[in-house]
């Protein structure tokens, strides 16, 4: 029964990432993530002792900093 509960917990999508996870997600170092935060380009949640970066905030940042182009992947 414990395995069944654990598998359901693993299916819950993460809504926010820790500092190092957020840095990895956008492909920068944690120090660069800190600089982006200090510049106001990324806004972490301070609901906990440590900053959490909402996935939607990371997506907003990437969209805002991606130049418009006709190129498609």
N, C-alpha and C. Protein backbone atom coordinates (compact mmCIF):
# COMPACT_ATOMS: atom_id res chain seq x y z
N UNK A 1 0.81 -1.19 0.00
CA UNK A 1 0.00 0.00 0.00
C UNK A 1 0.86 1.26 0.00
N UNK A 2 1.98 1.25 0.69
CA UNK A 2 2.85 2.42 0.72
C UNK A 2 3.36 2.77 -0.67
N UNK A 3 3.66 1.75 -1.49
CA UNK A 3 4.14 2.00 -2.85
C UNK A 3 3.07 2.69 -3.68
N UNK A 4 1.82 2.32 -3.47
CA UNK A 4 0.70 2.93 -4.20
C UNK A 4 0.59 4.42 -3.83
N UNK A 5 0.72 4.74 -2.55
CA UNK A 5 0.65 6.13 -2.10
C UNK A 5 1.82 6.92 -2.66
N UNK A 6 3.02 6.37 -2.61
CA UNK A 6 4.20 7.05 -3.12
C UNK A 6 4.08 7.33 -4.61
N UNK A 7 3.52 6.39 -5.39
CA UNK A 7 3.40 6.62 -6.83
C UNK A 7 2.42 7.75 -7.11
N UNK A 8 1.39 7.91 -6.30
CA UNK A 8 0.45 9.02 -6.49
C UNK A 8 1.12 10.34 -6.15
N UNK A 9 1.95 10.37 -5.14
CA UNK A 9 2.65 11.59 -4.75
C UNK A 9 3.60 12.02 -5.86
N UNK A 10 4.27 11.08 -6.49
CA UNK A 10 5.22 11.39 -7.55
C UNK A 10 4.53 11.98 -8.78
N UNK A 11 3.23 11.76 -8.95
CA UNK A 11 2.51 12.25 -10.11
C UNK A 11 2.10 13.71 -9.97
N UNK A 12 2.21 14.28 -8.78
CA UNK A 12 1.84 15.68 -8.58
C UNK A 12 2.92 16.56 -9.21
N UNK A 13 2.53 17.42 -10.16
CA UNK A 13 3.54 18.27 -10.81
C UNK A 13 4.06 19.33 -9.84
N UNK A 14 5.32 19.66 -9.99
CA UNK A 14 5.91 20.72 -9.16
C UNK A 14 5.41 22.07 -9.67
N UNK A 15 4.95 22.89 -8.77
CA UNK A 15 4.51 24.23 -9.12
C UNK A 15 5.62 25.25 -8.93
N UNK A 16 6.60 24.90 -8.11
CA UNK A 16 7.71 25.81 -7.84
C UNK A 16 8.99 25.01 -7.66
N UNK A 17 10.10 25.67 -7.97
CA UNK A 17 11.41 25.04 -7.90
C UNK A 17 12.30 25.74 -6.89
N UNK A 18 13.16 24.96 -6.25
CA UNK A 18 14.16 25.55 -5.37
C UNK A 18 15.19 26.28 -6.22
N UNK A 19 16.03 27.06 -5.59
CA UNK A 19 17.01 27.90 -6.28
C UNK A 19 17.85 27.10 -7.27
N UNK A 20 18.44 26.02 -6.84
CA UNK A 20 19.32 25.24 -7.71
C UNK A 20 18.52 24.58 -8.83
N UNK A 21 17.33 24.10 -8.51
CA UNK A 21 16.48 23.49 -9.55
C UNK A 21 16.09 24.51 -10.61
N UNK A 22 15.76 25.73 -10.16
CA UNK A 22 15.38 26.79 -11.10
C UNK A 22 16.55 27.16 -11.99
N UNK A 23 17.74 27.25 -11.41
CA UNK A 23 18.93 27.56 -12.20
C UNK A 23 19.16 26.48 -13.26
N UNK A 24 19.05 25.23 -12.86
CA UNK A 24 19.22 24.12 -13.81
C UNK A 24 18.15 24.17 -14.90
N UNK A 25 16.93 24.53 -14.52
CA UNK A 25 15.83 24.55 -15.49
C UNK A 25 16.05 25.55 -16.61
N UNK A 26 16.69 26.69 -16.29
CA UNK A 26 16.92 27.69 -17.33
C UNK A 26 18.35 27.65 -17.85
N UNK A 27 19.15 26.73 -17.34
CA UNK A 27 20.50 26.53 -17.88
C UNK A 27 21.52 27.57 -17.46
N UNK A 28 21.40 28.07 -16.23
CA UNK A 28 22.37 29.03 -15.71
C UNK A 28 22.88 28.55 -14.36
N UNK A 29 23.90 29.20 -13.86
CA UNK A 29 24.41 28.86 -12.54
C UNK A 29 23.52 29.48 -11.47
N UNK A 30 23.57 28.96 -10.25
CA UNK A 30 22.81 29.58 -9.17
C UNK A 30 23.20 31.05 -8.94
N UNK A 31 24.46 31.38 -9.15
CA UNK A 31 24.90 32.77 -8.99
C UNK A 31 24.25 33.67 -10.04
N UNK A 32 24.14 33.19 -11.27
CA UNK A 32 23.47 33.96 -12.32
C UNK A 32 21.99 34.11 -11.99
N UNK A 33 21.37 33.07 -11.49
CA UNK A 33 19.97 33.15 -11.07
C UNK A 33 19.81 34.23 -10.00
N UNK A 34 20.74 34.28 -9.06
CA UNK A 34 20.70 35.31 -8.02
C UNK A 34 20.80 36.71 -8.62
N UNK A 35 21.67 36.89 -9.61
CA UNK A 35 21.81 38.20 -10.26
C UNK A 35 20.54 38.58 -11.01
N UNK A 36 19.92 37.62 -11.69
CA UNK A 36 18.66 37.89 -12.39
C UNK A 36 17.58 38.30 -11.40
N UNK A 37 17.58 37.67 -10.23
CA UNK A 37 16.62 38.02 -9.19
C UNK A 37 16.88 39.42 -8.65
N UNK A 38 18.14 39.74 -8.39
CA UNK A 38 18.49 41.08 -7.89
C UNK A 38 18.13 42.17 -8.89
N UNK A 39 18.24 41.86 -10.17
CA UNK A 39 17.89 42.83 -11.22
C UNK A 39 16.37 42.94 -11.41
N UNK A 40 15.61 42.06 -10.75
CA UNK A 40 14.17 42.10 -10.86
C UNK A 40 13.62 41.37 -12.07
N UNK A 41 14.46 40.62 -12.75
CA UNK A 41 14.02 39.89 -13.94
C UNK A 41 13.26 38.61 -13.58
N UNK A 42 13.57 38.06 -12.43
CA UNK A 42 12.87 36.89 -11.90
C UNK A 42 12.37 37.24 -10.51
N UNK A 43 11.14 36.82 -10.20
CA UNK A 43 10.55 37.14 -8.90
C UNK A 43 10.21 35.85 -8.16
N UNK A 44 11.04 35.49 -7.18
CA UNK A 44 10.74 34.28 -6.41
C UNK A 44 9.67 34.55 -5.36
N UNK A 45 9.02 33.50 -4.93
CA UNK A 45 8.08 33.58 -3.83
C UNK A 45 8.89 33.53 -2.54
N UNK A 46 8.51 34.32 -1.58
CA UNK A 46 9.18 34.30 -0.27
C UNK A 46 8.24 33.73 0.79
N UNK A 47 7.35 32.82 0.37
CA UNK A 47 6.39 32.22 1.29
C UNK A 47 7.09 31.31 2.31
N UNK A 48 8.28 30.86 1.97
CA UNK A 48 9.04 30.01 2.88
C UNK A 48 10.35 30.71 3.21
N UNK A 49 11.16 30.10 4.04
CA UNK A 49 12.44 30.70 4.41
C UNK A 49 13.37 30.86 3.21
N UNK A 50 13.24 29.96 2.27
CA UNK A 50 14.08 29.99 1.07
C UNK A 50 13.24 30.37 -0.13
N UNK A 51 13.84 31.05 -1.08
CA UNK A 51 13.05 31.45 -2.25
C UNK A 51 12.61 30.25 -3.08
N UNK A 52 11.39 30.32 -3.56
CA UNK A 52 10.86 29.32 -4.49
C UNK A 52 10.50 30.04 -5.78
N UNK A 53 10.88 29.45 -6.89
CA UNK A 53 10.62 30.04 -8.20
C UNK A 53 9.47 29.29 -8.85
N UNK A 54 8.34 29.95 -9.02
CA UNK A 54 7.18 29.32 -9.64
C UNK A 54 7.51 28.96 -11.08
N UNK A 55 7.06 27.80 -11.50
CA UNK A 55 7.29 27.37 -12.88
C UNK A 55 6.72 28.40 -13.85
N UNK A 56 5.55 28.96 -13.54
CA UNK A 56 4.94 29.97 -14.41
C UNK A 56 5.80 31.24 -14.46
N UNK A 57 6.47 31.59 -13.36
CA UNK A 57 7.37 32.75 -13.35
C UNK A 57 8.58 32.49 -14.24
N UNK A 58 9.10 31.29 -14.20
CA UNK A 58 10.24 30.94 -15.06
C UNK A 58 9.81 31.00 -16.53
N UNK A 59 8.63 30.47 -16.82
CA UNK A 59 8.12 30.52 -18.19
C UNK A 59 7.92 31.97 -18.64
N UNK A 60 7.40 32.82 -17.75
CA UNK A 60 7.20 34.24 -18.07
C UNK A 60 8.54 34.90 -18.39
N UNK A 61 9.55 34.63 -17.56
CA UNK A 61 10.88 35.18 -17.77
C UNK A 61 11.45 34.76 -19.13
N UNK A 62 11.33 33.48 -19.44
CA UNK A 62 11.87 32.99 -20.72
C UNK A 62 11.14 33.62 -21.90
N UNK A 63 9.84 33.74 -21.80
CA UNK A 63 9.08 34.34 -22.89
C UNK A 63 9.43 35.83 -23.04
N UNK A 64 9.58 36.53 -21.92
CA UNK A 64 9.88 37.96 -21.95
C UNK A 64 11.29 38.25 -22.48
N UNK A 65 12.20 37.31 -22.32
CA UNK A 65 13.58 37.54 -22.72
C UNK A 65 13.95 36.83 -24.02
N UNK A 66 12.98 36.23 -24.68
CA UNK A 66 13.21 35.57 -25.95
C UNK A 66 12.84 36.54 -27.07
N UNK A 67 13.79 36.88 -27.93
CA UNK A 67 13.45 37.79 -29.02
C UNK A 67 12.42 37.18 -29.97
N UNK A 68 11.57 38.01 -30.50
CA UNK A 68 10.59 37.54 -31.49
C UNK A 68 11.34 37.13 -32.76
N UNK A 69 10.95 36.00 -33.28
CA UNK A 69 11.56 35.56 -34.54
C UNK A 69 10.59 34.62 -35.22
N UNK A 70 10.83 34.41 -36.51
CA UNK A 70 10.01 33.48 -37.27
C UNK A 70 10.57 32.07 -37.23
N UNK A 71 11.69 31.90 -36.54
CA UNK A 71 12.31 30.59 -36.46
C UNK A 71 11.47 29.67 -35.61
N UNK A 72 11.28 28.45 -36.04
CA UNK A 72 10.57 27.45 -35.26
C UNK A 72 11.42 26.21 -35.13
N UNK A 73 11.28 25.56 -34.02
CA UNK A 73 12.08 24.35 -33.77
C UNK A 73 11.51 23.16 -34.49
